[in-house]
Protein backbone atom coordinates (compact mmCIF):
# COMPACT_ATOMS: atom_id res chain seq x y z
CA MET A 1 -13.26 22.20 -37.98
CA LYS A 2 -15.04 24.71 -34.79
CA THR A 3 -12.76 24.85 -31.78
CA PHE A 4 -15.36 24.50 -28.27
CA GLN A 5 -14.58 25.66 -24.56
CA ILE A 6 -15.30 22.90 -22.57
CA GLU A 7 -14.68 22.75 -18.28
CA ILE A 8 -13.78 19.28 -16.92
CA LEU A 9 -14.83 19.59 -13.43
CA GLU A 10 -13.88 16.18 -10.94
CA THR A 11 -14.42 15.76 -7.73
CA LEU A 12 -13.00 14.29 -5.37
CA ALA A 13 -13.46 12.64 -1.76
CA VAL A 14 -12.54 11.54 1.25
CA VAL A 15 -13.68 10.57 5.82
CA LYS A 16 -11.15 11.35 7.95
CA ASN A 17 -12.32 10.93 11.38
CA ILE A 18 -10.81 13.81 13.53
CA GLU A 19 -11.01 13.62 17.66
CA ALA A 20 -12.03 16.84 18.72
CA GLU A 21 -14.40 19.18 21.62
CA THR A 22 -17.21 20.41 18.69
CA LEU A 23 -17.75 19.93 15.52
CA GLU A 24 -16.71 23.84 14.12
CA GLN A 25 -13.01 22.50 16.30
CA ALA A 26 -13.09 19.36 13.76
CA ILE A 27 -14.09 21.33 10.95
CA ALA A 28 -11.13 23.03 11.11
CA ILE A 29 -8.29 20.58 11.93
CA ALA A 30 -9.46 19.00 9.27
CA LYS A 31 -8.74 22.44 7.04
CA GLU A 32 -5.64 23.35 8.86
CA ARG A 33 -4.47 18.95 7.98
CA TYR A 34 -5.40 19.26 4.62
CA MET A 35 -3.66 22.65 3.57
CA ASN A 36 -0.75 20.93 5.35
CA GLU A 37 -0.58 18.51 3.17
CA GLU A 38 -1.11 15.57 5.82
CA ILE A 39 -4.79 14.48 4.38
CA VAL A 40 -4.70 14.59 0.06
CA LEU A 41 -6.63 13.44 -1.99
CA ASP A 42 -5.68 11.71 -5.37
CA ALA A 43 -7.11 9.47 -8.60
CA ASN A 44 -7.86 6.61 -5.57
CA HIS A 45 -10.49 9.21 -4.53
CA PHE A 46 -12.34 9.97 -7.70
CA ILE A 47 -16.21 10.15 -6.82
CA ASP A 48 -17.96 11.82 -10.47
CA VAL A 49 -16.62 14.18 -13.81
CA GLU A 50 -18.84 16.75 -15.16
CA PHE A 51 -18.06 18.19 -18.89
CA PHE A 52 -19.79 22.23 -19.15
CA PRO A 53 -19.78 24.14 -22.56
CA MET A 54 -18.66 27.46 -21.48
CA PHE A 55 -21.36 28.73 -23.04
CA LYS A 56 -23.76 27.37 -20.29
CA ALA A 57 -20.95 26.55 -17.47
CA ILE A 58 -21.11 28.18 -14.16
CA PHE A 59 -16.99 28.86 -13.09
CA HIS A 60 -16.51 26.07 -10.55
CA CYS A 61 -12.96 26.36 -10.58
CA LYS A 62 -10.96 29.53 -8.67
CA ASP A 63 -9.09 31.08 -11.40
CA GLU A 64 -9.62 33.41 -13.64
CA PHE A 65 -11.02 32.43 -17.35
CA GLU A 66 -8.71 32.45 -19.55
CA ASP A 67 -8.68 32.21 -23.50
């Protein structure tokens, strides 16, 4: 039996209405709320899943690859 490394990439998404003077300010407010855990995504926000064999994958994760 062989061992294969497979990257599993899930996409979660939500749309929030943000009041702001500019688009840039709205994005900054959304980022701040997300980082402060005022906006939390969970399994109810699931959009898609993709599977990548590691020999063809582009790393989508921020963490370094570990053996």
